[in-house]
Amino acid sequence: MAALPTQVLTPTGIAPTYAAVGGSGDTFTPGDHVFLHVKNAGGASTTVTVTTPGTVEGLAVSDLTVTVPASTGDRMIGPLPSRLFARADGQADVVCSPTTSVTIAVVRVG
């Protein structure tokens, strides 16, 4: 499980750096202006799951799941606010399945 760095989008733009997704998942710092950019160059679609560890008024919140199409698929996922996705340590968990040829970047606007 790797800790993914947050890259900040500025008015002049960025060229994001992508990391191969980890087999057992990765962590990132969620926030109101944080997005995941997932690219899938593999031959099968991949499911991205962002865990929601808490509850709202005693009710469990379903994990966020997004399907990224095969081959040239990519998805911007978010925003991912801390109040929904952060564990007690402030980090969030993301898992992709399958992981073959899947890369990810964490981007924060502003």
PDB file of N, CA and C in Angstrom:
ATOM      1  N   MET A   1       0.854  -1.170   0.000  1.00  0.00           N
ATOM      2  CA  MET A   1       0.000   0.000   0.000  1.00  0.00           C
ATOM      3  C   MET A   1       0.900   1.232   0.000  1.00  0.00           C
ATOM      4  N   ALA A   2       0.746   2.047  -1.028  1.00  0.00           N
ATOM      5  CA  ALA A   2       1.583   3.241  -1.158  1.00  0.00           C
ATOM      6  C   ALA A   2       0.782   4.485  -0.808  1.00  0.00           C
ATOM      7  N   ALA A   3       1.463   5.473  -0.254  1.00  0.00           N
ATOM      8  CA  ALA A   3       0.859   6.775   0.014  1.00  0.00           C
ATOM      9  C   ALA A   3       1.045   7.624  -1.237  1.00  0.00           C
ATOM     10  N   LEU A   4      -0.049   8.005  -1.859  1.00  0.00           N
ATOM     11  CA  LEU A   4       0.006   8.785  -3.089  1.00  0.00           C
ATOM     12  C   LEU A   4       0.148  10.269  -2.762  1.00  0.00           C
ATOM     13  N   PRO A   5       1.070  10.963  -3.424  1.00  0.00           N
ATOM     14  CA  PRO A   5       1.233  12.399  -3.161  1.00  0.00           C
ATOM     15  C   PRO A   5       0.110  13.198  -3.815  1.00  0.00           C
ATOM     16  N   THR A   6      -0.243  14.307  -3.205  1.00  0.00           N
ATOM     17  CA  THR A   6      -1.247  15.209  -3.768  1.00  0.00           C
ATOM     18  C   THR A   6      -0.537  16.259  -4.606  1.00  0.00           C
ATOM     19  N   GLN A   7      -1.001  16.412  -5.834  1.00  0.00           N
ATOM     20  CA  GLN A   7      -0.442  17.400  -6.750  1.00  0.00           C
ATOM     21  C   GLN A   7      -1.443  18.549  -6.869  1.00  0.00           C
ATOM     22  N   VAL A   8      -0.953  19.772  -6.806  1.00  0.00           N
ATOM     23  CA  VAL A   8      -1.831  20.939  -6.771  1.00  0.00           C
ATOM     24  C   VAL A   8      -1.973  21.527  -8.174  1.00  0.00           C
ATOM     25  N   LEU A   9      -3.235  21.659  -8.607  1.00  0.00           N
ATOM     26  CA  LEU A   9      -3.542  22.282  -9.886  1.00  0.00           C
ATOM     27  C   LEU A   9      -3.544  23.797  -9.703  1.00  0.00           C
ATOM     28  N   THR A  10      -2.796  24.485 -10.537  1.00  0.00           N
ATOM     29  CA  THR A  10      -2.711  25.942 -10.469  1.00  0.00           C
ATOM     30  C   THR A  10      -3.306  26.533 -11.743  1.00  0.00           C
ATOM     31  N   PRO A  11      -3.533  27.855 -11.771  1.00  0.00           N
ATOM     32  CA  PRO A  11      -4.083  28.477 -12.980  1.00  0.00           C
ATOM     33  C   PRO A  11      -3.226  28.242 -14.229  1.00  0.00           C
ATOM     34  N   THR A  12      -1.931  28.017 -14.059  1.00  0.00           N
ATOM     35  CA  THR A  12      -1.076  27.778 -15.219  1.00  0.00           C
ATOM     36  C   THR A  12      -1.032  26.307 -15.616  1.00  0.00           C
ATOM     37  N   GLY A  13      -1.728  25.445 -14.862  1.00  0.00           N
ATOM     38  CA  GLY A  13      -1.820  24.026 -15.203  1.00  0.00           C
ATOM     39  C   GLY A  13      -0.706  23.200 -14.598  1.00  0.00           C
ATOM     40  N   ILE A  14      -0.866  21.886 -14.692  1.00  0.00           N
ATOM     41  CA  ILE A  14       0.166  20.940 -14.247  1.00  0.00           C
ATOM     42  C   ILE A  14       0.240  19.787 -15.236  1.00  0.00           C
ATOM     43  N   ALA A  15       1.351  19.097 -15.223  1.00  0.00           N
ATOM     44  CA  ALA A  15       1.515  17.839 -15.935  1.00  0.00           C
ATOM     45  C   ALA A  15       1.580  16.771 -14.841  1.00  0.00           C
ATOM     46  N   PRO A  16       0.439  16.165 -14.482  1.00  0.00           N
ATOM     47  CA  PRO A  16       0.432  15.246 -13.341  1.00  0.00           C
ATOM     48  C   PRO A  16       1.362  14.060 -13.528  1.00  0.00           C
ATOM     49  N   THR A  17       1.890  13.604 -12.415  1.00  0.00           N
ATOM     50  CA  THR A  17       2.694  12.389 -12.374  1.00  0.00           C
ATOM     51  C   THR A  17       1.781  11.264 -11.914  1.00  0.00           C
ATOM     52  N   TYR A  18       1.776  10.160 -12.631  1.00  0.00           N
ATOM     53  CA  TYR A  18       0.914   9.022 -12.325  1.00  0.00           C
ATOM     54  C   TYR A  18       1.735   7.897 -11.721  1.00  0.00           C
ATOM     55  N   ALA A  19       1.130   7.184 -10.771  1.00  0.00           N
ATOM     56  CA  ALA A  19       1.771   6.040 -10.126  1.00  0.00           C
ATOM     57  C   ALA A  19       0.988   4.781 -10.489  1.00  0.00           C
ATOM     58  N   ALA A  20       1.697   3.663 -10.610  1.00  0.00           N
ATOM     59  CA  ALA A  20       1.014   2.381 -10.786  1.00  0.00           C
ATOM     60  C   ALA A  20       0.234   2.096  -9.507  1.00  0.00           C
ATOM     61  N   VAL A  21      -0.991   1.617  -9.647  1.00  0.00           N
ATOM     62  CA  VAL A  21      -1.785   1.334  -8.452  1.00  0.00           C
ATOM     63  C   VAL A  21      -1.226   0.121  -7.735  1.00  0.00           C
ATOM     64  N   GLY A  22      -1.348   0.125  -6.406  1.00  0.00           N
ATOM     65  CA  GLY A  22      -0.847  -0.975  -5.606  1.00  0.00           C
ATOM     66  C   GLY A  22      -1.818  -2.140  -5.587  1.00  0.00           C
ATOM     67  N   GLY A  23      -1.289  -3.341  -5.529  1.00  0.00           N
ATOM     68  CA  GLY A  23      -2.113  -4.545  -5.511  1.00  0.00           C
ATOM     69  C   GLY A  23      -3.030  -4.627  -4.307  1.00  0.00           C
ATOM     70  N   SER A  24      -2.592  -4.086  -3.179  1.00  0.00           N
ATOM     71  CA  SER A  24      -3.424  -4.120  -1.970  1.00  0.00           C
ATOM     72  C   SER A  24      -4.066  -2.767  -1.707  1.00  0.00           C
ATOM     73  N   GLY A  25      -3.979  -1.854  -2.680  1.00  0.00           N
ATOM     74  CA  GLY A  25      -4.577  -0.539  -2.531  1.00  0.00           C
ATOM     75  C   GLY A  25      -3.546   0.523  -2.216  1.00  0.00           C
ATOM     76  N   ASP A  26      -4.011   1.752  -2.148  1.00  0.00           N
ATOM     77  CA  ASP A  26      -3.160   2.908  -1.875  1.00  0.00           C
ATOM     78  C   ASP A  26      -3.897   3.842  -0.926  1.00  0.00           C
ATOM     79  N   THR A  27      -3.166   4.827  -0.407  1.00  0.00           N
ATOM     80  CA  THR A  27      -3.777   5.834   0.458  1.00  0.00           C
ATOM     81  C   THR A  27      -3.525   7.213  -0.130  1.00  0.00           C
ATOM     82  N   PHE A  28      -4.394   8.159   0.252  1.00  0.00           N
ATOM     83  CA  PHE A  28      -4.222   9.542  -0.173  1.00  0.00           C
ATOM     84  C   PHE A  28      -4.884  10.436   0.866  1.00  0.00           C
ATOM     85  N   THR A  29      -4.583  11.730   0.787  1.00  0.00           N
ATOM     86  CA  THR A  29      -5.189  12.695   1.694  1.00  0.00           C
ATOM     87  C   THR A  29      -6.425  13.286   1.008  1.00  0.00           C
ATOM     88  N   PRO A  30      -7.625  12.988   1.521  1.00  0.00           N
ATOM     89  CA  PRO A  30      -8.836  13.514   0.902  1.00  0.00           C
ATOM     90  C   PRO A  30      -9.066  14.980   1.267  1.00  0.00           C
ATOM     91  N   GLY A  31      -9.974  15.621   0.574  1.00  0.00           N
ATOM     92  CA  GLY A  31     -10.313  17.008   0.865  1.00  0.00           C
ATOM     93  C   GLY A  31     -11.408  17.490  -0.067  1.00  0.00           C
ATOM     94  N   ASP A  32     -11.980  18.636   0.263  1.00  0.00           N
ATOM     95  CA  ASP A  32     -13.099  19.172  -0.517  1.00  0.00           C
ATOM     96  C   ASP A  32     -12.747  19.460  -1.972  1.00  0.00           C
ATOM     97  N   HIS A  33     -11.473  19.659  -2.269  1.00  0.00           N
ATOM     98  CA  HIS A  33     -11.045  19.989  -3.624  1.00  0.00           C
ATOM     99  C   HIS A  33     -10.099  18.934  -4.197  1.00  0.00           C
ATOM    100  N   VAL A  34     -10.183  17.710  -3.683  1.00  0.00           N
ATOM    101  CA  VAL A  34      -9.281  16.626  -4.093  1.00  0.00           C
ATOM    102  C   VAL A  34     -10.009  15.663  -5.032  1.00  0.00           C
ATOM    103  N   PHE A  35      -9.315  15.290  -6.106  1.00  0.00           N
ATOM    104  CA  PHE A  35      -9.830  14.373  -7.113  1.00  0.00           C
ATOM    105  C   PHE A  35      -8.809  13.273  -7.358  1.00  0.00           C
ATOM    106  N   LEU A  36      -9.280  12.114  -7.811  1.00  0.00           N
ATOM    107  CA  LEU A  36      -8.408  11.060  -8.310  1.00  0.00           C
ATOM    108  C   LEU A  36      -8.545  11.050  -9.827  1.00  0.00           C
ATOM    109  N   HIS A  37      -7.421  10.938 -10.529  1.00  0.00           N
ATOM    110  CA  HIS A  37      -7.453  10.740 -11.981  1.00  0.00           C
ATOM    111  C   HIS A  37      -6.894   9.354 -12.230  1.00  0.00           C
ATOM    112  N   VAL A  38      -7.762   8.458 -12.696  1.00  0.00           N
ATOM    113  CA  VAL A  38      -7.387   7.057 -12.909  1.00  0.00           C
ATOM    114  C   VAL A  38      -7.360   6.791 -14.402  1.00  0.00           C
ATOM    115  N   LYS A  39      -6.245   6.214 -14.870  1.00  0.00           N
ATOM    116  CA  LYS A  39      -6.096   5.846 -16.280  1.00  0.00           C
ATOM    117  C   LYS A  39      -5.961   4.333 -16.371  1.00  0.00           C
ATOM    118  N   ASN A  40      -6.660   3.745 -17.332  1.00  0.00           N
ATOM    119  CA  ASN A  40      -6.638   2.295 -17.504  1.00  0.00           C
ATOM    120  C   ASN A  40      -6.215   1.948 -18.925  1.00  0.00           C
ATOM    121  N   ALA A  41      -5.021   1.408 -19.062  1.00  0.00           N
ATOM    122  CA  ALA A  41      -4.525   0.970 -20.369  1.00  0.00           C
ATOM    123  C   ALA A  41      -4.637  -0.545 -20.513  1.00  0.00           C
ATOM    124  N   GLY A  42      -5.226  -1.212 -19.521  1.00  0.00           N
ATOM    125  CA  GLY A  42      -5.361  -2.667 -19.541  1.00  0.00           C
ATOM    126  C   GLY A  42      -6.477  -3.132 -20.464  1.00  0.00           C
ATOM    127  N   GLY A  43      -6.535  -4.425 -20.678  1.00  0.00           N
ATOM    128  CA  GLY A  43      -7.509  -5.027 -21.577  1.00  0.00           C
ATOM    129  C   GLY A  43      -8.878  -5.252 -20.958  1.00  0.00           C
ATOM    130  N   ALA A  44      -9.032  -4.979 -19.677  1.00  0.00           N
ATOM    131  CA  ALA A  44     -10.317  -5.149 -19.001  1.00  0.00           C
ATOM    132  C   ALA A  44     -10.637  -3.884 -18.210  1.00  0.00           C
ATOM    133  N   SER A  45     -11.910  -3.629 -17.996  1.00  0.00           N
ATOM    134  CA  SER A  45     -12.273  -2.478 -17.175  1.00  0.00           C
ATOM    135  C   SER A  45     -11.793  -2.717 -15.750  1.00  0.00           C
ATOM    136  N   THR A  46     -11.591  -1.631 -15.014  1.00  0.00           N
ATOM    137  CA  THR A  46     -11.168  -1.737 -13.622  1.00  0.00           C
ATOM    138  C   THR A  46     -12.184  -1.016 -12.749  1.00  0.00           C
ATOM    139  N   THR A  47     -12.397  -1.536 -11.558  1.00  0.00           N
ATOM    140  CA  THR A  47     -13.290  -0.906 -10.604  1.00  0.00           C
ATOM    141  C   THR A  47     -12.460  -0.199  -9.553  1.00  0.00           C
ATOM    142  N   VAL A  48     -12.713   1.092  -9.368  1.00  0.00           N
ATOM    143  CA  VAL A  48     -12.034   1.905  -8.363  1.00  0.00           C
ATOM    144  C   VAL A  48     -12.979   2.003  -7.166  1.00  0.00           C
ATOM    145  N   THR A  49     -12.475   1.637  -5.980  1.00  0.00           N
ATOM    146  CA  THR A  49     -13.275   1.725  -4.764  1.00  0.00           C
ATOM    147  C   THR A  49     -12.578   2.651  -3.780  1.00  0.00           C
ATOM    148  N   VAL A  50     -13.285   3.707  -3.364  1.00  0.00           N
ATOM    149  CA  VAL A  50     -12.786   4.609  -2.332  1.00  0.00           C
ATOM    150  C   VAL A  50     -13.624   4.310  -1.090  1.00  0.00           C
ATOM    151  N   THR A  51     -12.946   3.910  -0.022  1.00  0.00           N
ATOM    152  CA  THR A  51     -13.627   3.466   1.189  1.00  0.00           C
ATOM    153  C   THR A  51     -14.198   4.632   1.978  1.00  0.00           C
ATOM    154  N   THR A  52     -15.404   4.455   2.470  1.00  0.00           N
ATOM    155  CA  THR A  52     -16.019   5.411   3.396  1.00  0.00           C
ATOM    156  C   THR A  52     -16.028   4.742   4.769  1.00  0.00           C
ATOM    157  N   PRO A  53     -15.101   5.131   5.655  1.00  0.00           N
ATOM    158  CA  PRO A  53     -14.919   4.407   6.919  1.00  0.00           C
ATOM    159  C   PRO A  53     -15.929   4.723   8.009  1.00  0.00           C
ATOM    160  N   GLY A  54     -16.674   5.795   7.859  1.00  0.00           N
ATOM    161  CA  GLY A  54     -17.522   6.222   8.965  1.00  0.00           C
ATOM    162  C   GLY A  54     -18.997   6.037   8.724  1.00  0.00           C
ATOM    163  N   THR A  55     -19.753   6.703   9.570  1.00  0.00           N
ATOM    164  CA  THR A  55     -21.200   6.698   9.468  1.00  0.00           C
ATOM    165  C   THR A  55     -21.690   8.143   9.533  1.00  0.00           C
ATOM    166  N   VAL A  56     -22.909   8.349   9.069  1.00  0.00           N
ATOM    167  CA  VAL A  56     -23.562   9.647   9.183  1.00  0.00           C
ATOM    168  C   VAL A  56     -24.843   9.406   9.972  1.00  0.00           C
ATOM    169  N   GLU A  57     -24.930  10.055  11.121  1.00  0.00           N
ATOM    170  CA  GLU A  57     -26.061   9.887  12.015  1.00  0.00           C
ATOM    171  C   GLU A  57     -26.353   8.411  12.270  1.00  0.00           C
ATOM    172  N   GLY A  58     -25.290   7.632  12.473  1.00  0.00           N
ATOM    173  CA  GLY A  58     -25.406   6.223  12.811  1.00  0.00           C
ATOM    174  C   GLY A  58     -25.607   5.280  11.643  1.00  0.00           C
ATOM    175  N   LEU A  59     -25.709   5.810  10.432  1.00  0.00           N
ATOM    176  CA  LEU A  59     -25.916   4.969   9.258  1.00  0.00           C
ATOM    177  C   LEU A  59     -24.620   4.841   8.470  1.00  0.00           C
ATOM    178  N   ALA A  60     -24.310   3.605   8.060  1.00  0.00           N
ATOM    179  CA  ALA A  60     -23.107   3.375   7.261  1.00  0.00           C
ATOM    180  C   ALA A  60     -23.244   4.059   5.910  1.00  0.00           C
ATOM    181  N   VAL A  61     -22.144   4.612   5.433  1.00  0.00           N
ATOM    182  CA  VAL A  61     -22.099   5.249   4.123  1.00  0.00           C
ATOM    183  C   VAL A  61     -21.473   4.254   3.155  1.00  0.00           C
ATOM    184  N   SER A  62     -22.124   4.015   2.033  1.00  0.00           N
ATOM    185  CA  SER A  62     -21.602   3.065   1.047  1.00  0.00           C
ATOM    186  C   SER A  62     -20.286   3.555   0.472  1.00  0.00           C
ATOM    187  N   ASP A  63     -19.384   2.606   0.188  1.00  0.00           N
ATOM    188  CA  ASP A  63     -18.137   2.948  -0.479  1.00  0.00           C
ATOM    189  C   ASP A  63     -18.450   3.504  -1.867  1.00  0.00           C
ATOM    190  N   LEU A  64     -17.598   4.394  -2.338  1.00  0.00           N
ATOM    191  CA  LEU A  64     -17.728   4.947  -3.681  1.00  0.00           C
ATOM    192  C   LEU A  64     -17.069   3.981  -4.652  1.00  0.00           C
ATOM    193  N   THR A  65     -17.792   3.537  -5.672  1.00  0.00           N
ATOM    194  CA  THR A  65     -17.209   2.673  -6.702  1.00  0.00           C
ATOM    195  C   THR A  65     -17.447   3.287  -8.069  1.00  0.00           C
ATOM    196  N   VAL A  66     -16.383   3.266  -8.887  1.00  0.00           N
ATOM    197  CA  VAL A  66     -16.431   3.831 -10.232  1.00  0.00           C
ATOM    198  C   VAL A  66     -15.750   2.846 -11.171  1.00  0.00           C
ATOM    199  N   THR A  67     -16.372   2.570 -12.312  1.00  0.00           N
ATOM    200  CA  THR A  67     -15.774   1.693 -13.313  1.00  0.00           C
ATOM    201  C   THR A  67     -15.038   2.535 -14.340  1.00  0.00           C
ATOM    202  N   VAL A  68     -13.789   2.148 -14.589  1.00  0.00           N
ATOM    203  CA  VAL A  68     -12.976   2.818 -15.615  1.00  0.00           C
ATOM    204  C   VAL A  68     -12.862   1.848 -16.792  1.00  0.00           C
ATOM    205  N   PRO A  69     -13.301   2.259 -17.990  1.00  0.00           N
ATOM    206  CA  PRO A  69     -13.292   1.364 -19.144  1.00  0.00           C
ATOM    207  C   PRO A  69     -11.891   0.876 -19.515  1.00  0.00           C
ATOM    208  N   ALA A  70     -11.860  -0.227 -20.255  1.00  0.00           N
ATOM    209  CA  ALA A  70     -10.604  -0.829 -20.709  1.00  0.00           C
ATOM    210  C   ALA A  70      -9.932   0.033 -21.773  1.00  0.00           C
ATOM    211  N   SER A  71      -8.683  -0.293 -22.019  1.00  0.00           N
ATOM    212  CA  SER A  71      -7.837   0.263 -23.079  1.00  0.00           C
ATOM    213  C   SER A  71      -7.459   1.721 -22.864  1.00  0.00           C
ATOM    214  N   THR A  72      -8.256   2.647 -23.323  1.00  0.00           N
ATOM    215  CA  THR A  72      -7.898   4.059 -23.179  1.00  0.00           C
ATOM    216  C   THR A  72      -8.803   4.773 -22.192  1.00  0.00           C
ATOM    217  N   GLY A  73      -9.391   4.036 -21.266  1.00  0.00           N
ATOM    218  CA  GLY A  73     -10.318   4.628 -20.317  1.00  0.00           C
ATOM    219  C   GLY A  73      -9.630   5.484 -19.272  1.00  0.00           C
ATOM    220  N   ASP A  74     -10.272   6.566 -18.911  1.00  0.00           N
ATOM    221  CA  ASP A  74      -9.794   7.347 -17.772  1.00  0.00           C
ATOM    222  C   ASP A  74     -10.985   8.033 -17.132  1.00  0.00           C
ATOM    223  N   ARG A  75     -10.865   8.267 -15.825  1.00  0.00           N
ATOM    224  CA  ARG A  75     -11.934   8.913 -15.072  1.00  0.00           C
ATOM    225  C   ARG A  75     -11.340   9.881 -14.063  1.00  0.00           C
ATOM    226  N   MET A  76     -11.971  11.048 -13.952  1.00  0.00           N
ATOM    227  CA  MET A  76     -11.706  11.979 -12.860  1.00  0.00           C
ATOM    228  C   MET A  76     -12.764  11.656 -11.811  1.00  0.00           C
ATOM    229  N   ILE A  77     -12.342  11.376 -10.591  1.00  0.00           N
ATOM    230  CA  ILE A  77     -13.257  10.964  -9.531  1.00  0.00           C
ATOM    231  C   ILE A  77     -13.145  11.955  -8.382  1.00  0.00           C
ATOM    232  N   GLY A  78     -14.254  12.556  -8.012  1.00  0.00           N
ATOM    233  CA  GLY A  78     -14.236  13.491  -6.903  1.00  0.00           C
ATOM    234  C   GLY A  78     -15.188  14.629  -7.134  1.00  0.00           C
ATOM    235  N   PRO A  79     -15.208  15.556  -6.217  1.00  0.00           N
ATOM    236  CA  PRO A  79     -14.310  15.732  -5.073  1.00  0.00           C
ATOM    237  C   PRO A  79     -14.537  14.666  -4.002  1.00  0.00           C
ATOM    238  N   LEU A  80     -13.514  14.481  -3.166  1.00  0.00           N
ATOM    239  CA  LEU A  80     -13.496  13.435  -2.150  1.00  0.00           C
ATOM    240  C   LEU A  80     -13.278  14.061  -0.776  1.00  0.00           C
ATOM    241  N   PRO A  81     -14.332  14.612  -0.163  1.00  0.00           N
ATOM    242  CA  PRO A  81     -14.190  15.341   1.096  1.00  0.00           C
ATOM    243  C   PRO A  81     -13.764  14.458   2.268  1.00  0.00           C
ATOM    244  N   SER A  82     -12.979  15.043   3.132  1.00  0.00           N
ATOM    245  CA  SER A  82     -12.474  14.330   4.316  1.00  0.00           C
ATOM    246  C   SER A  82     -13.603  13.812   5.186  1.00  0.00           C
ATOM    247  N   ARG A  83     -14.671  14.570   5.333  1.00  0.00           N
ATOM    248  CA  ARG A  83     -15.762  14.183   6.234  1.00  0.00           C
ATOM    249  C   ARG A  83     -16.394  12.851   5.827  1.00  0.00           C
ATOM    250  N   LEU A  84     -16.246  12.447   4.557  1.00  0.00           N
ATOM    251  CA  LEU A  84     -16.787  11.167   4.105  1.00  0.00           C
ATOM    252  C   LEU A  84     -15.736  10.070   3.971  1.00  0.00           C
ATOM    253  N   PHE A  85     -14.504  10.436   3.598  1.00  0.00           N
ATOM    254  CA  PHE A  85     -13.540   9.422   3.192  1.00  0.00           C
ATOM    255  C   PHE A  85     -12.338   9.252   4.117  1.00  0.00           C
ATOM    256  N   ALA A  86     -12.087  10.187   5.034  1.00  0.00           N
ATOM    257  CA  ALA A  86     -10.885  10.109   5.882  1.00  0.00           C
ATOM    258  C   ALA A  86     -11.061   9.126   7.028  1.00  0.00           C
ATOM    259  N   ARG A  87     -10.013   8.349   7.263  1.00  0.00           N
ATOM    260  CA  ARG A  87      -9.930   7.524   8.470  1.00  0.00           C
ATOM    261  C   ARG A  87      -9.547   8.448   9.620  1.00  0.00           C
ATOM    262  N   ALA A  88      -9.400   7.889  10.806  1.00  0.00           N
ATOM    263  CA  ALA A  88      -9.024   8.676  11.989  1.00  0.00           C
ATOM    264  C   ALA A  88      -7.681   9.371  11.805  1.00  0.00           C
ATOM    265  N   ASP A  89      -6.772   8.798  10.999  1.00  0.00           N
ATOM    266  CA  ASP A  89      -5.451   9.394  10.787  1.00  0.00           C
ATOM    267  C   ASP A  89      -5.439  10.429   9.659  1.00  0.00           C
ATOM    268  N   GLY A  90      -6.616  10.718   9.070  1.00  0.00           N
ATOM    269  CA  GLY A  90      -6.707  11.729   8.024  1.00  0.00           C
ATOM    270  C   GLY A  90      -6.478  11.215   6.615  1.00  0.00           C
ATOM    271  N   GLN A  91      -6.124   9.941   6.474  1.00  0.00           N
ATOM    272  CA  GLN A  91      -5.882   9.362   5.154  1.00  0.00           C
ATOM    273  C   GLN A  91      -7.117   8.611   4.669  1.00  0.00           C
ATOM    274  N   ALA A  92      -7.187   8.370   3.355  1.00  0.00           N
ATOM    275  CA  ALA A  92      -8.276   7.620   2.751  1.00  0.00           C
ATOM    276  C   ALA A  92      -7.688   6.450   1.971  1.00  0.00           C
ATOM    277  N   ASP A  93      -8.500   5.416   1.780  1.00  0.00           N
ATOM    278  CA  ASP A  93      -8.072   4.215   1.063  1.00  0.00           C
ATOM    279  C   ASP A  93      -8.730   4.137  -0.305  1.00  0.00           C
ATOM    280  N   VAL A  94      -7.929   3.756  -1.311  1.00  0.00           N
ATOM    281  CA  VAL A  94      -8.444   3.524  -2.653  1.00  0.00           C
ATOM    282  C   VAL A  94      -7.864   2.204  -3.162  1.00  0.00           C
ATOM    283  N   VAL A  95      -8.735   1.390  -3.781  1.00  0.00           N
ATOM    284  CA  VAL A  95      -8.334   0.096  -4.326  1.00  0.00           C
ATOM    285  C   VAL A  95      -8.860   0.005  -5.744  1.00  0.00           C
ATOM    286  N   CYS A  96      -8.014  -0.490  -6.664  1.00  0.00           N
ATOM    287  CA  CYS A  96      -8.432  -0.742  -8.040  1.00  0.00           C
ATOM    288  C   CYS A  96      -8.357  -2.242  -8.300  1.00  0.00           C
ATOM    289  N   SER A  97      -9.341  -2.763  -9.022  1.00  0.00           N
ATOM    290  CA  SER A  97      -9.340  -4.188  -9.340  1.00  0.00           C
ATOM    291  C   SER A  97      -9.966  -4.389 -10.715  1.00  0.00           C
ATOM    292  N   PRO A  98      -9.219  -4.974 -11.659  1.00  0.00           N
ATOM    293  CA  PRO A  98      -7.826  -5.388 -11.568  1.00  0.00           C
ATOM    294  C   PRO A  98      -6.876  -4.189 -11.634  1.00  0.00           C
ATOM    295  N   THR A  99      -5.579  -4.467 -11.393  1.00  0.00           N
ATOM    296  CA  THR A  99      -4.581  -3.402 -11.332  1.00  0.00           C
ATOM    297  C   THR A  99      -3.681  -3.327 -12.560  1.00  0.00           C
ATOM    298  N   THR A 100      -3.739  -4.316 -13.433  1.00  0.00           N
ATOM    299  CA  THR A 100      -2.844  -4.371 -14.584  1.00  0.00           C
ATOM    300  C   THR A 100      -3.005  -3.139 -15.470  1.00  0.00           C
ATOM    301  N   SER A 101      -1.912  -2.430 -15.681  1.00  0.00           N
ATOM    302  CA  SER A 101      -1.841  -1.251 -16.552  1.00  0.00           C
ATOM    303  C   SER A 101      -2.733  -0.107 -16.091  1.00  0.00           C
ATOM    304  N   VAL A 102      -2.975  -0.009 -14.773  1.00  0.00           N
ATOM    305  CA  VAL A 102      -3.788   1.066 -14.223  1.00  0.00           C
ATOM    306  C   VAL A 102      -2.871   2.018 -13.459  1.00  0.00           C
ATOM    307  N   THR A 103      -3.000   3.330 -13.735  1.00  0.00           N
ATOM    308  CA  THR A 103      -2.216   4.337 -13.036  1.00  0.00           C
ATOM    309  C   THR A 103      -3.156   5.372 -12.416  1.00  0.00           C
ATOM    310  N   ILE A 104      -2.632   6.095 -11.428  1.00  0.00           N
ATOM    311  CA  ILE A 104      -3.470   7.006 -10.661  1.00  0.00           C
ATOM    312  C   ILE A 104      -2.685   8.252 -10.265  1.00  0.00           C
ATOM    313  N   ALA A 105      -3.379   9.379 -10.207  1.00  0.00           N
ATOM    314  CA  ALA A 105      -2.807  10.628  -9.698  1.00  0.00           C
ATOM    315  C   ALA A 105      -3.840  11.258  -8.774  1.00  0.00           C
ATOM    316  N   VAL A 106      -3.346  11.905  -7.707  1.00  0.00           N
ATOM    317  CA  VAL A 106      -4.203  12.653  -6.790  1.00  0.00           C
ATOM    318  C   VAL A 106      -3.980  14.130  -7.085  1.00  0.00           C
ATOM    319  N   VAL A 107      -5.074  14.844  -7.383  1.00  0.00           N
ATOM    320  CA  VAL A 107      -4.984  16.248  -7.774  1.00  0.00           C
ATOM    321  C   VAL A 107      -5.891  17.074  -6.867  1.00  0.00           C
ATOM    322  N   ARG A 108      -5.335  18.175  -6.374  1.00  0.00           N
ATOM    323  CA  ARG A 108      -6.131  19.125  -5.575  1.00  0.00           C
ATOM    324  C   ARG A 108      -6.216  20.436  -6.347  1.00  0.00           C
ATOM    325  N   VAL A 109      -7.415  20.976  -6.457  1.00  0.00           N
ATOM    326  CA  VAL A 109      -7.625  22.248  -7.136  1.00  0.00           C
ATOM    327  C   VAL A 109      -7.366  23.364  -6.139  1.00  0.00           C
ATOM    328  N   GLY A 110      -6.433  24.276  -6.484  1.00  0.00           N
ATOM    329  CA  GLY A 110      -6.133  25.434  -5.655  1.00  0.00           C
ATOM    330  C   GLY A 110      -5.273  25.188  -4.471  1.00  0.00           C
TER     331      GLY A 110
END
